[in-house]
Amino acid sequence: MKKHLVLLISVFVMMPVFAQQFGRQYATEQPRVRFATLPVYIDSGNQHLAAYQFELKTVSGQIKIVGVEGGEHPAFADAPYYDPAARANDRIIIAAFNTGQDLPTGQTRIAKIHLQIVGEVEPKYQLELSVAGDENGREISAEITCEKEI
């Protein structure tokens, strides 16, 4: 009986030590989390860019979109509109327009997407320009690209 009592007391005394050790092990097994930005550019050639809509999806890796910032040209300096519901699913739909006279031509950064990247897998993105338009509401031909910053 005395042996069992000593064993039982030893177990209770050692429980906090084991709990602390297992807690440390659990903490080190959490996935790596880092933050990055993804600048998005549209090249409208020699045509004025007055409006755009695009969709960004993750095709590999795990991300969370944590913010959206405006572009570099004054016409698109304000943060663009986006669908908050779509943002929760590793994808985002973004759109903006400007009815002013000072509109960009050529390549311009239209947005900067702030990302939380989870895990070791480097994300790969699919970027699709739904539409781009000029100051007269006509659809224009344009190319969309992105590049990752850290």
Protein backbone atom coordinates (compact mmCIF):
# COMPACT_ATOMS: atom_id res chain seq x y z
CA MET A 1 0.00 0.00 0.00
CA LYS A 2 2.82 2.35 0.91
CA LYS A 3 4.47 1.74 -2.53
CA HIS A 4 1.23 2.64 -4.31
CA LEU A 5 0.87 5.81 -2.29
CA VAL A 6 4.45 6.88 -3.07
CA LEU A 7 3.87 6.13 -6.79
CA LEU A 8 0.63 8.10 -6.80
CA ILE A 9 2.25 11.11 -5.09
CA SER A 10 5.17 10.94 -7.54
CA VAL A 11 2.78 11.02 -10.50
CA PHE A 12 0.95 14.09 -9.12
CA VAL A 13 4.24 15.87 -8.40
CA MET A 14 5.56 15.19 -11.92
CA MET A 15 2.35 16.11 -13.79
CA PRO A 16 3.16 19.84 -14.07
CA VAL A 17 6.63 19.01 -15.44
CA PHE A 18 5.14 16.68 -18.09
CA ALA A 19 2.41 19.18 -18.96
CA GLN A 20 4.99 21.93 -19.43
CA GLN A 21 7.16 19.69 -21.62
CA PHE A 22 4.22 18.60 -23.80
CA GLY A 23 3.08 22.23 -24.06
CA ARG A 24 6.50 23.24 -25.42
CA GLN A 25 6.45 20.40 -27.91
CA TYR A 26 2.97 21.41 -29.10
CA ALA A 27 4.05 25.03 -29.52
CA THR A 28 6.97 24.10 -31.75
CA GLU A 29 4.73 21.99 -33.98
CA GLN A 30 2.58 24.98 -35.02
CA PRO A 31 2.83 25.80 -38.73
CA ARG A 32 5.14 28.61 -39.79
CA VAL A 33 3.32 31.92 -40.32
CA ARG A 34 4.74 34.85 -42.24
CA PHE A 35 3.44 37.98 -43.94
CA ALA A 36 3.98 39.29 -47.46
CA THR A 37 2.48 41.72 -49.93
CA LEU A 38 1.42 40.98 -53.47
CA PRO A 39 1.48 44.03 -55.78
CA VAL A 40 -0.95 43.73 -58.71
CA TYR A 41 -0.28 45.57 -61.99
CA ILE A 42 -2.36 46.29 -65.08
CA ASP A 43 -0.74 47.27 -68.35
CA SER A 44 -3.29 49.07 -70.53
CA GLY A 45 -0.79 50.01 -73.24
CA ASN A 46 -1.53 53.47 -74.62
CA GLN A 47 -5.18 53.42 -73.50
CA HIS A 48 -6.44 55.15 -70.36
CA LEU A 49 -7.39 52.80 -67.53
CA ALA A 50 -10.59 54.01 -65.82
CA ALA A 51 -12.01 50.76 -64.43
CA TYR A 52 -11.01 47.18 -63.71
CA GLN A 53 -12.15 44.01 -61.98
CA PHE A 54 -10.01 40.96 -61.27
CA GLU A 55 -9.98 37.79 -59.22
CA LEU A 56 -6.99 36.37 -57.35
CA LYS A 57 -7.00 32.74 -56.20
CA THR A 58 -4.45 30.54 -54.50
CA VAL A 59 -3.78 27.34 -56.44
CA SER A 60 -1.22 25.96 -53.97
CA GLY A 61 -0.17 26.89 -50.47
CA GLN A 62 -2.31 28.32 -47.72
CA ILE A 63 -2.93 32.05 -47.35
CA LYS A 64 -5.24 34.42 -45.58
CA ILE A 65 -5.85 37.82 -47.16
CA VAL A 66 -5.49 40.34 -44.34
CA GLY A 67 -5.72 43.63 -46.20
CA VAL A 68 -6.00 45.46 -49.51
CA GLU A 69 -4.22 48.70 -50.32
CA GLY A 70 -4.70 51.09 -53.24
CA GLY A 71 -2.46 51.62 -56.24
CA GLU A 72 0.40 53.94 -57.12
CA HIS A 73 -1.41 56.28 -59.54
CA PRO A 74 -3.63 58.97 -57.93
CA ALA A 75 -6.64 57.64 -59.86
CA PHE A 76 -6.42 54.35 -57.95
CA ALA A 77 -4.71 55.46 -54.72
CA ASP A 78 -7.77 54.67 -52.57
CA ALA A 79 -8.26 51.07 -51.51
CA PRO A 80 -10.32 49.25 -54.14
CA TYR A 81 -13.65 47.53 -53.52
CA TYR A 82 -13.61 43.81 -52.77
CA ASP A 83 -15.95 41.00 -51.79
CA PRO A 84 -15.38 40.26 -48.06
CA ALA A 85 -17.12 36.87 -48.32
CA ALA A 86 -14.79 35.69 -51.08
CA ARG A 87 -11.77 36.90 -49.09
CA ALA A 88 -12.37 34.18 -46.49
CA ASN A 89 -11.75 31.41 -49.05
CA ASP A 90 -8.14 32.02 -50.21
CA ARG A 91 -9.46 34.17 -53.03
CA ILE A 92 -10.57 37.74 -53.56
CA ILE A 93 -12.48 39.71 -56.19
CA ILE A 94 -11.34 43.33 -56.47
CA ALA A 95 -12.72 46.21 -58.53
CA ALA A 96 -12.26 49.96 -58.86
CA PHE A 97 -13.20 52.79 -61.19
CA ASN A 98 -12.39 56.45 -61.61
CA THR A 99 -14.44 58.98 -63.58
CA GLY A 100 -11.77 61.71 -63.49
CA GLN A 101 -9.54 63.00 -66.28
CA ASP A 102 -6.15 62.04 -64.81
CA LEU A 103 -6.01 58.32 -65.67
CA PRO A 104 -2.99 56.03 -66.02
CA THR A 105 -1.72 54.45 -69.20
CA GLY A 106 0.86 51.69 -69.56
CA GLN A 107 1.78 49.54 -66.59
CA THR A 108 0.60 50.77 -63.21
CA ARG A 109 0.23 49.15 -59.79
CA ILE A 110 -3.50 49.11 -59.11
CA ALA A 111 -3.50 47.35 -55.72
CA LYS A 112 -1.32 45.75 -53.08
CA ILE A 113 -2.74 42.69 -51.32
CA HIS A 114 -1.48 41.91 -47.81
CA LEU A 115 -1.16 38.18 -47.10
CA GLN A 116 -0.65 35.90 -44.15
CA ILE A 117 1.12 32.78 -45.45
CA VAL A 118 0.73 29.62 -43.38
CA GLY A 119 3.12 26.67 -43.66
CA GLU A 120 6.25 25.97 -45.64
CA VAL A 121 4.62 25.71 -49.08
CA GLU A 122 5.26 28.82 -51.17
CA PRO A 123 1.86 29.93 -52.52
CA LYS A 124 1.14 30.01 -56.23
CA TYR A 125 -1.54 32.35 -57.52
CA GLN A 126 -4.02 32.47 -60.37
CA LEU A 127 -4.83 36.01 -61.44
CA GLU A 128 -7.68 36.67 -63.87
CA LEU A 129 -8.66 40.07 -65.24
CA SER A 130 -12.44 40.05 -65.64
CA VAL A 131 -12.63 43.43 -67.34
CA ALA A 132 -10.75 46.68 -67.90
CA GLY A 133 -12.35 49.84 -69.25
CA ASP A 134 -11.54 53.33 -70.45
CA GLU A 135 -13.04 56.71 -69.53
CA ASN A 136 -15.88 56.20 -72.06
CA GLY A 137 -16.98 52.90 -70.52
CA ARG A 138 -15.54 50.84 -73.36
CA GLU A 139 -13.76 47.59 -72.62
CA ILE A 140 -10.05 47.77 -73.36
CA SER A 141 -7.37 45.15 -73.86
CA ALA A 142 -5.05 44.94 -70.87
CA GLU A 143 -2.67 42.53 -69.15
CA ILE A 144 -2.66 41.83 -65.40
CA THR A 145 0.35 40.57 -63.44
CA CYS A 146 1.51 40.27 -59.85
CA GLU A 147 4.80 39.83 -58.02
CA LYS A 148 5.42 38.76 -54.44
CA GLU A 149 7.18 41.06 -51.99
CA ILE A 150 8.38 40.09 -48.55
